[in-house]
Amino acid sequence: VRLCPSTERITLARLHESAFGCPESFSINYLDTVLADPDTVSRLILADGKTVGLMHLTFSKAPDDQTAEQRGQTVYLMGLGILPAFRRRGFAEAALRTVFSRLPEGSELALQVSTLNGAAFRLYEKLAFEAASRLDYYTGSRLNGS
């Protein structure tokens, strides 16, 4: 798996829409926010020459500055989505392992995940993530489509 930088708004929005099942307008608005943040980078997840997903990472210190001050920072996984046709093939795990290998020394990767997303929970547990807190904000009418 390779991670390839991308700032292509429409490509990222379409991938986001497909990977997360979001409406087009939400995906475009989300990507506009991501692309406007200088501390956030977007990466296409590539396997065998095909785009299989995308991720967004926000650095607590400038992502392109490889100085000593960059060490020990928190990097936030703002989104990791695999396209439906490529799920359950290990691409998300491989992408995360690539991120781990590139984190500045002493850094940590943090994220939020819905408690309803069992597949993501299993992946993060497998990779030794620890729950720091729990906030269930997907409840009530959102669960039954009302």
N, C-alpha and C. Protein backbone atom coordinates (compact mmCIF):
# COMPACT_ATOMS: atom_id res chain seq x y z
N VAL A 1 0.85 -1.18 0.00
CA VAL A 1 0.00 0.00 0.00
C VAL A 1 0.89 1.24 0.00
N ARG A 2 0.53 2.19 -0.84
CA ARG A 2 1.21 3.49 -0.87
C ARG A 2 0.22 4.57 -0.49
N LEU A 3 0.73 5.62 0.15
CA LEU A 3 -0.07 6.79 0.47
C LEU A 3 0.41 7.92 -0.42
N CYS A 4 -0.49 8.47 -1.19
CA CYS A 4 -0.14 9.50 -2.16
C CYS A 4 -0.85 10.81 -1.80
N PRO A 5 -0.10 11.90 -1.64
CA PRO A 5 -0.73 13.18 -1.31
C PRO A 5 -1.72 13.60 -2.39
N SER A 6 -2.79 14.24 -1.97
CA SER A 6 -3.76 14.77 -2.93
C SER A 6 -4.42 16.01 -2.37
N THR A 7 -4.59 17.00 -3.23
CA THR A 7 -5.36 18.19 -2.90
C THR A 7 -6.47 18.40 -3.93
N GLU A 8 -6.72 17.38 -4.74
CA GLU A 8 -7.72 17.46 -5.79
C GLU A 8 -9.12 17.35 -5.17
N ARG A 9 -9.76 18.50 -5.02
CA ARG A 9 -11.04 18.64 -4.30
C ARG A 9 -12.11 17.66 -4.79
N ILE A 10 -12.38 17.63 -6.09
CA ILE A 10 -13.48 16.81 -6.60
C ILE A 10 -13.15 15.32 -6.44
N THR A 11 -11.92 14.93 -6.73
CA THR A 11 -11.52 13.53 -6.55
C THR A 11 -11.69 13.10 -5.10
N LEU A 12 -11.19 13.91 -4.19
CA LEU A 12 -11.31 13.58 -2.77
C LEU A 12 -12.76 13.55 -2.32
N ALA A 13 -13.56 14.49 -2.80
CA ALA A 13 -14.98 14.52 -2.42
C ALA A 13 -15.71 13.27 -2.92
N ARG A 14 -15.44 12.84 -4.13
CA ARG A 14 -16.08 11.63 -4.67
C ARG A 14 -15.66 10.39 -3.88
N LEU A 15 -14.36 10.31 -3.58
CA LEU A 15 -13.89 9.19 -2.77
C LEU A 15 -14.53 9.20 -1.39
N HIS A 16 -14.61 10.38 -0.78
CA HIS A 16 -15.22 10.52 0.54
C HIS A 16 -16.68 10.09 0.50
N GLU A 17 -17.38 10.55 -0.50
CA GLU A 17 -18.80 10.19 -0.66
C GLU A 17 -18.98 8.68 -0.75
N SER A 18 -18.15 8.02 -1.54
CA SER A 18 -18.26 6.58 -1.73
C SER A 18 -17.80 5.81 -0.50
N ALA A 19 -16.66 6.19 0.07
CA ALA A 19 -16.09 5.45 1.19
C ALA A 19 -16.93 5.58 2.45
N PHE A 20 -17.53 6.75 2.66
CA PHE A 20 -18.28 6.98 3.90
C PHE A 20 -19.79 6.96 3.71
N GLY A 21 -20.26 6.85 2.47
CA GLY A 21 -21.69 6.84 2.22
C GLY A 21 -22.36 8.16 2.54
N CYS A 22 -21.64 9.26 2.33
CA CYS A 22 -22.16 10.60 2.63
C CYS A 22 -22.77 11.23 1.39
N PRO A 23 -23.71 12.13 1.58
CA PRO A 23 -24.24 12.89 0.44
C PRO A 23 -23.12 13.73 -0.19
N GLU A 24 -23.24 13.99 -1.48
CA GLU A 24 -22.23 14.76 -2.21
C GLU A 24 -21.99 16.13 -1.56
N SER A 25 -23.07 16.82 -1.19
CA SER A 25 -22.91 18.17 -0.62
C SER A 25 -22.13 18.13 0.69
N PHE A 26 -22.38 17.12 1.52
CA PHE A 26 -21.62 16.99 2.77
C PHE A 26 -20.15 16.74 2.47
N SER A 27 -19.87 15.83 1.55
CA SER A 27 -18.49 15.49 1.21
C SER A 27 -17.73 16.69 0.68
N ILE A 28 -18.36 17.47 -0.18
CA ILE A 28 -17.71 18.66 -0.73
C ILE A 28 -17.43 19.67 0.38
N ASN A 29 -18.42 19.92 1.24
CA ASN A 29 -18.22 20.86 2.34
C ASN A 29 -17.12 20.38 3.29
N TYR A 30 -17.12 19.09 3.59
CA TYR A 30 -16.09 18.52 4.47
C TYR A 30 -14.71 18.70 3.84
N LEU A 31 -14.59 18.38 2.55
CA LEU A 31 -13.30 18.51 1.88
C LEU A 31 -12.84 19.95 1.79
N ASP A 32 -13.77 20.88 1.62
CA ASP A 32 -13.38 22.29 1.61
C ASP A 32 -12.75 22.68 2.95
N THR A 33 -13.32 22.17 4.03
CA THR A 33 -12.77 22.44 5.36
C THR A 33 -11.40 21.80 5.51
N VAL A 34 -11.26 20.55 5.10
CA VAL A 34 -9.99 19.83 5.20
C VAL A 34 -8.91 20.53 4.39
N LEU A 35 -9.22 20.88 3.16
CA LEU A 35 -8.23 21.48 2.28
C LEU A 35 -7.83 22.89 2.71
N ALA A 36 -8.69 23.56 3.44
CA ALA A 36 -8.37 24.91 3.92
C ALA A 36 -7.48 24.90 5.16
N ASP A 37 -7.34 23.75 5.81
CA ASP A 37 -6.55 23.65 7.04
C ASP A 37 -5.09 23.33 6.70
N PRO A 38 -4.17 24.24 6.97
CA PRO A 38 -2.77 23.99 6.62
C PRO A 38 -2.12 22.86 7.42
N ASP A 39 -2.73 22.45 8.51
CA ASP A 39 -2.17 21.37 9.34
C ASP A 39 -2.73 20.00 8.97
N THR A 40 -3.65 19.96 7.99
CA THR A 40 -4.27 18.70 7.58
C THR A 40 -3.78 18.31 6.19
N VAL A 41 -3.47 17.03 6.06
CA VAL A 41 -3.06 16.48 4.76
C VAL A 41 -4.02 15.37 4.38
N SER A 42 -4.28 15.26 3.10
CA SER A 42 -5.11 14.19 2.57
C SER A 42 -4.21 13.24 1.79
N ARG A 43 -4.49 11.95 1.92
CA ARG A 43 -3.71 10.93 1.23
C ARG A 43 -4.66 9.96 0.55
N LEU A 44 -4.36 9.66 -0.72
CA LEU A 44 -5.04 8.57 -1.40
C LEU A 44 -4.36 7.28 -0.95
N ILE A 45 -5.12 6.24 -0.75
CA ILE A 45 -4.57 4.93 -0.41
C ILE A 45 -4.56 4.13 -1.71
N LEU A 46 -3.35 3.77 -2.15
CA LEU A 46 -3.19 3.09 -3.43
C LEU A 46 -2.70 1.67 -3.21
N ALA A 47 -3.23 0.74 -4.00
CA ALA A 47 -2.80 -0.66 -3.98
C ALA A 47 -2.85 -1.18 -5.41
N ASP A 48 -1.77 -1.76 -5.84
CA ASP A 48 -1.69 -2.30 -7.20
C ASP A 48 -2.13 -1.27 -8.25
N GLY A 49 -1.72 -0.02 -8.04
CA GLY A 49 -2.02 1.03 -9.00
C GLY A 49 -3.44 1.56 -8.96
N LYS A 50 -4.26 1.08 -8.04
CA LYS A 50 -5.65 1.52 -7.94
C LYS A 50 -5.85 2.30 -6.64
N THR A 51 -6.73 3.30 -6.70
CA THR A 51 -7.11 4.02 -5.49
C THR A 51 -8.15 3.18 -4.76
N VAL A 52 -7.82 2.78 -3.53
CA VAL A 52 -8.72 1.93 -2.75
C VAL A 52 -9.36 2.67 -1.58
N GLY A 53 -8.89 3.89 -1.31
CA GLY A 53 -9.44 4.65 -0.20
C GLY A 53 -8.73 5.97 -0.03
N LEU A 54 -9.02 6.62 1.08
CA LEU A 54 -8.41 7.90 1.39
C LEU A 54 -8.32 8.07 2.90
N MET A 55 -7.47 9.00 3.30
CA MET A 55 -7.36 9.36 4.71
C MET A 55 -6.98 10.82 4.83
N HIS A 56 -7.32 11.38 5.99
CA HIS A 56 -6.97 12.76 6.31
C HIS A 56 -6.30 12.74 7.67
N LEU A 57 -5.17 13.42 7.77
CA LEU A 57 -4.41 13.50 9.02
C LEU A 57 -4.18 14.96 9.37
N THR A 58 -4.43 15.31 10.63
CA THR A 58 -4.17 16.65 11.10
C THR A 58 -3.03 16.59 12.11
N PHE A 59 -2.01 17.38 11.87
CA PHE A 59 -0.82 17.41 12.71
C PHE A 59 -0.92 18.56 13.70
N SER A 60 -0.48 18.31 14.94
CA SER A 60 -0.49 19.38 15.93
C SER A 60 0.66 20.35 15.68
N LYS A 61 1.61 19.95 14.83
CA LYS A 61 2.71 20.80 14.38
C LYS A 61 2.81 20.63 12.88
N ALA A 62 3.34 21.58 12.19
CA ALA A 62 3.37 21.57 10.72
C ALA A 62 3.85 20.23 10.17
N PRO A 63 3.05 19.59 9.28
CA PRO A 63 3.38 18.25 8.79
C PRO A 63 4.64 18.18 7.93
N ASP A 64 5.04 19.28 7.32
CA ASP A 64 6.20 19.25 6.43
C ASP A 64 7.48 19.69 7.10
N ASP A 65 7.42 20.07 8.36
CA ASP A 65 8.58 20.56 9.08
C ASP A 65 9.20 19.41 9.87
N GLN A 66 10.33 18.91 9.43
CA GLN A 66 10.97 17.76 10.08
C GLN A 66 11.99 18.19 11.14
N THR A 67 11.65 19.18 11.92
CA THR A 67 12.56 19.66 12.95
C THR A 67 12.37 18.89 14.25
N ALA A 68 13.27 19.11 15.17
CA ALA A 68 13.19 18.44 16.47
C ALA A 68 11.89 18.81 17.19
N GLU A 69 11.38 20.02 16.95
CA GLU A 69 10.14 20.44 17.63
C GLU A 69 8.94 19.63 17.18
N GLN A 70 9.05 18.96 16.04
CA GLN A 70 7.93 18.17 15.53
C GLN A 70 7.78 16.86 16.31
N ARG A 71 8.82 16.40 16.95
CA ARG A 71 8.76 15.14 17.70
C ARG A 71 7.75 15.25 18.83
N GLY A 72 7.16 14.12 19.16
CA GLY A 72 6.27 14.07 20.31
C GLY A 72 4.92 14.72 20.09
N GLN A 73 4.50 14.87 18.88
CA GLN A 73 3.22 15.52 18.64
C GLN A 73 2.08 14.52 18.56
N THR A 74 0.88 15.03 18.61
CA THR A 74 -0.30 14.22 18.39
C THR A 74 -0.75 14.45 16.96
N VAL A 75 -0.96 13.35 16.25
CA VAL A 75 -1.49 13.39 14.89
C VAL A 75 -2.89 12.81 14.97
N TYR A 76 -3.87 13.54 14.43
CA TYR A 76 -5.26 13.11 14.49
C TYR A 76 -5.68 12.49 13.16
N LEU A 77 -6.18 11.29 13.24
CA LEU A 77 -6.76 10.64 12.06
C LEU A 77 -8.17 11.19 11.91
N MET A 78 -8.35 12.10 10.97
CA MET A 78 -9.63 12.78 10.80
C MET A 78 -10.59 11.98 9.93
N GLY A 79 -10.06 11.00 9.24
CA GLY A 79 -10.91 10.17 8.40
C GLY A 79 -10.07 9.10 7.73
N LEU A 80 -10.60 7.91 7.70
CA LEU A 80 -9.97 6.79 7.00
C LEU A 80 -11.11 6.01 6.37
N GLY A 81 -11.17 6.02 5.06
CA GLY A 81 -12.26 5.32 4.37
C GLY A 81 -11.73 4.46 3.24
N ILE A 82 -12.21 3.24 3.19
CA ILE A 82 -11.89 2.32 2.11
C ILE A 82 -13.13 2.19 1.23
N LEU A 83 -12.94 2.24 -0.08
CA LEU A 83 -14.06 2.10 -1.00
C LEU A 83 -14.70 0.72 -0.84
N PRO A 84 -16.03 0.65 -0.94
CA PRO A 84 -16.74 -0.62 -0.69
C PRO A 84 -16.18 -1.83 -1.43
N ALA A 85 -15.76 -1.69 -2.67
CA ALA A 85 -15.26 -2.83 -3.45
C ALA A 85 -13.93 -3.37 -2.93
N PHE A 86 -13.25 -2.61 -2.05
CA PHE A 86 -11.93 -3.01 -1.58
C PHE A 86 -11.88 -3.32 -0.08
N ARG A 87 -13.02 -3.33 0.56
CA ARG A 87 -13.05 -3.57 2.01
C ARG A 87 -12.73 -5.02 2.35
N ARG A 88 -12.27 -5.21 3.58
CA ARG A 88 -11.95 -6.53 4.14
C ARG A 88 -10.80 -7.22 3.41
N ARG A 89 -9.88 -6.42 2.90
CA ARG A 89 -8.70 -6.95 2.24
C ARG A 89 -7.41 -6.49 2.92
N GLY A 90 -7.54 -5.80 4.06
CA GLY A 90 -6.36 -5.37 4.81
C GLY A 90 -5.79 -4.02 4.41
N PHE A 91 -6.47 -3.28 3.53
CA PHE A 91 -5.93 -2.01 3.08
C PHE A 91 -5.92 -0.95 4.18
N ALA A 92 -6.95 -0.90 5.00
CA ALA A 92 -6.98 0.08 6.10
C ALA A 92 -5.84 -0.20 7.08
N GLU A 93 -5.66 -1.47 7.43
CA GLU A 93 -4.57 -1.82 8.33
C GLU A 93 -3.22 -1.47 7.73
N ALA A 94 -3.02 -1.78 6.46
CA ALA A 94 -1.75 -1.48 5.80
C ALA A 94 -1.51 0.03 5.75
N ALA A 95 -2.56 0.80 5.49
CA ALA A 95 -2.43 2.26 5.45
C ALA A 95 -2.04 2.80 6.83
N LEU A 96 -2.68 2.28 7.88
CA LEU A 96 -2.35 2.73 9.24
C LEU A 96 -0.93 2.34 9.62
N ARG A 97 -0.51 1.17 9.24
CA ARG A 97 0.87 0.75 9.54
C ARG A 97 1.88 1.67 8.81
N THR A 98 1.53 2.09 7.61
CA THR A 98 2.39 3.03 6.89
C THR A 98 2.45 4.36 7.64
N VAL A 99 1.30 4.83 8.12
CA VAL A 99 1.29 6.08 8.90
C VAL A 99 2.15 5.92 10.14
N PHE A 100 1.99 4.81 10.87
CA PHE A 100 2.79 4.59 12.08
C PHE A 100 4.28 4.67 11.77
N SER A 101 4.68 4.09 10.66
CA SER A 101 6.11 4.06 10.31
C SER A 101 6.65 5.44 9.97
N ARG A 102 5.78 6.37 9.67
CA ARG A 102 6.21 7.72 9.27
C ARG A 102 5.98 8.77 10.34
N LEU A 103 5.37 8.40 11.45
CA LEU A 103 5.14 9.39 12.51
C LEU A 103 6.47 9.86 13.08
N PRO A 104 6.55 11.14 13.39
CA PRO A 104 7.75 11.64 14.05
C PRO A 104 7.98 10.91 15.38
N GLU A 105 9.22 10.76 15.75
CA GLU A 105 9.60 10.07 16.98
C GLU A 105 8.80 10.60 18.18
N GLY A 106 8.28 9.68 18.99
CA GLY A 106 7.56 10.06 20.21
C GLY A 106 6.15 10.57 19.97
N SER A 107 5.64 10.45 18.75
CA SER A 107 4.31 10.95 18.43
C SER A 107 3.26 9.87 18.67
N GLU A 108 2.00 10.32 18.72
CA GLU A 108 0.90 9.38 18.85
C GLU A 108 -0.16 9.70 17.82
N LEU A 109 -0.92 8.68 17.44
CA LEU A 109 -2.02 8.83 16.51
C LEU A 109 -3.31 8.73 17.30
N ALA A 110 -4.16 9.74 17.17
CA ALA A 110 -5.43 9.78 17.90
C ALA A 110 -6.57 9.83 16.88
N LEU A 111 -7.75 9.36 17.30
CA LEU A 111 -8.90 9.35 16.41
C LEU A 111 -10.18 9.27 17.21
N GLN A 112 -11.28 9.49 16.50
CA GLN A 112 -12.62 9.24 17.03
C GLN A 112 -13.27 8.23 16.11
N VAL A 113 -14.06 7.35 16.69
CA VAL A 113 -14.79 6.38 15.88
C VAL A 113 -16.15 6.14 16.52
N SER A 114 -17.15 5.99 15.69
CA SER A 114 -18.49 5.70 16.19
C SER A 114 -18.50 4.33 16.86
N THR A 115 -19.18 4.25 18.00
CA THR A 115 -19.30 2.96 18.68
C THR A 115 -20.13 1.98 17.86
N LEU A 116 -20.83 2.47 16.85
CA LEU A 116 -21.63 1.61 15.98
C LEU A 116 -20.80 0.98 14.87
N ASN A 117 -19.55 1.42 14.72
CA ASN A 117 -18.71 0.92 13.64
C ASN A 117 -17.83 -0.22 14.15
N GLY A 118 -18.43 -1.41 14.23
CA GLY A 118 -17.75 -2.58 14.78
C GLY A 118 -16.49 -2.96 14.04
N ALA A 119 -16.51 -2.86 12.71
CA ALA A 119 -15.32 -3.22 11.92
C ALA A 119 -14.16 -2.30 12.26
N ALA A 120 -14.43 -1.01 12.38
CA ALA A 120 -13.36 -0.06 12.72
C ALA A 120 -12.84 -0.33 14.13
N PHE A 121 -13.75 -0.58 15.06
CA PHE A 121 -13.32 -0.89 16.43
C PHE A 121 -12.40 -2.10 16.47
N ARG A 122 -12.76 -3.15 15.74
CA ARG A 122 -11.91 -4.35 15.72
C ARG A 122 -10.53 -4.03 15.13
N LEU A 123 -10.49 -3.24 14.08
CA LEU A 123 -9.22 -2.86 13.48
C LEU A 123 -8.36 -2.08 14.46
N TYR A 124 -8.94 -1.09 15.10
CA TYR A 124 -8.17 -0.25 16.02
C TYR A 124 -7.71 -1.05 17.24
N GLU A 125 -8.53 -1.96 17.72
CA GLU A 125 -8.11 -2.84 18.83
C GLU A 125 -6.95 -3.73 18.39
N LYS A 126 -7.03 -4.28 17.19
CA LYS A 126 -5.97 -5.13 16.65
C LYS A 126 -4.65 -4.38 16.59
N LEU A 127 -4.71 -3.08 16.30
CA LEU A 127 -3.51 -2.26 16.20
C LEU A 127 -3.13 -1.61 17.53
N ALA A 128 -3.73 -2.08 18.62
CA ALA A 128 -3.40 -1.67 20.00
C ALA A 128 -3.77 -0.23 20.34
N PHE A 129 -4.79 0.32 19.67
CA PHE A 129 -5.30 1.62 20.11
C PHE A 129 -5.98 1.42 21.45
N GLU A 130 -5.97 2.44 22.28
CA GLU A 130 -6.64 2.40 23.58
C GLU A 130 -7.72 3.46 23.61
N ALA A 131 -8.87 3.12 24.17
CA ALA A 131 -9.96 4.09 24.31
C ALA A 131 -9.61 5.06 25.44
N ALA A 132 -9.59 6.34 25.10
CA ALA A 132 -9.29 7.37 26.10
C ALA A 132 -10.58 7.91 26.71
N SER A 133 -11.65 7.90 25.94
CA SER A 133 -12.95 8.36 26.43
C SER A 133 -14.02 7.81 25.52
N ARG A 134 -15.26 7.97 25.95
CA ARG A 134 -16.37 7.47 25.15
C ARG A 134 -17.48 8.52 25.14
N LEU A 135 -17.95 8.83 23.96
CA LEU A 135 -19.04 9.78 23.77
C LEU A 135 -19.92 9.22 22.67
N ASP A 136 -21.12 8.79 23.01
CA ASP A 136 -22.03 8.23 22.03
C ASP A 136 -22.92 9.35 21.49
N TYR A 137 -22.55 9.86 20.31
CA TYR A 137 -23.35 10.94 19.74
C TYR A 137 -24.19 10.48 18.56
N TYR A 138 -24.11 9.20 18.20
CA TYR A 138 -24.99 8.64 17.18
C TYR A 138 -26.10 7.87 17.89
N THR A 139 -27.10 8.57 18.33
CA THR A 139 -28.18 7.93 19.09
C THR A 139 -29.54 8.40 18.60
N GLY A 140 -30.58 7.81 19.14
CA GLY A 140 -31.94 8.26 18.91
C GLY A 140 -32.35 8.21 17.47
N SER A 141 -32.91 9.30 16.98
CA SER A 141 -33.51 9.33 15.65
C SER A 141 -32.51 9.07 14.53
N ARG A 142 -31.25 9.35 14.73
CA ARG A 142 -30.26 9.11 13.68
C ARG A 142 -30.10 7.61 13.41
N LEU A 143 -30.34 6.79 14.41
CA LEU A 143 -30.16 5.36 14.23
C LEU A 143 -31.28 4.73 13.41
N ASN A 144 -32.49 5.23 13.56
CA ASN A 144 -33.60 4.61 12.84
C ASN A 144 -33.99 5.37 11.60
N GLY A 145 -33.16 6.34 11.19
CA GLY A 145 -33.41 7.06 9.95
C GLY A 145 -34.45 8.14 10.04
N SER A 146 -34.95 8.44 11.22
CA SER A 146 -35.97 9.50 11.36
C SER A 146 -35.35 10.86 11.39
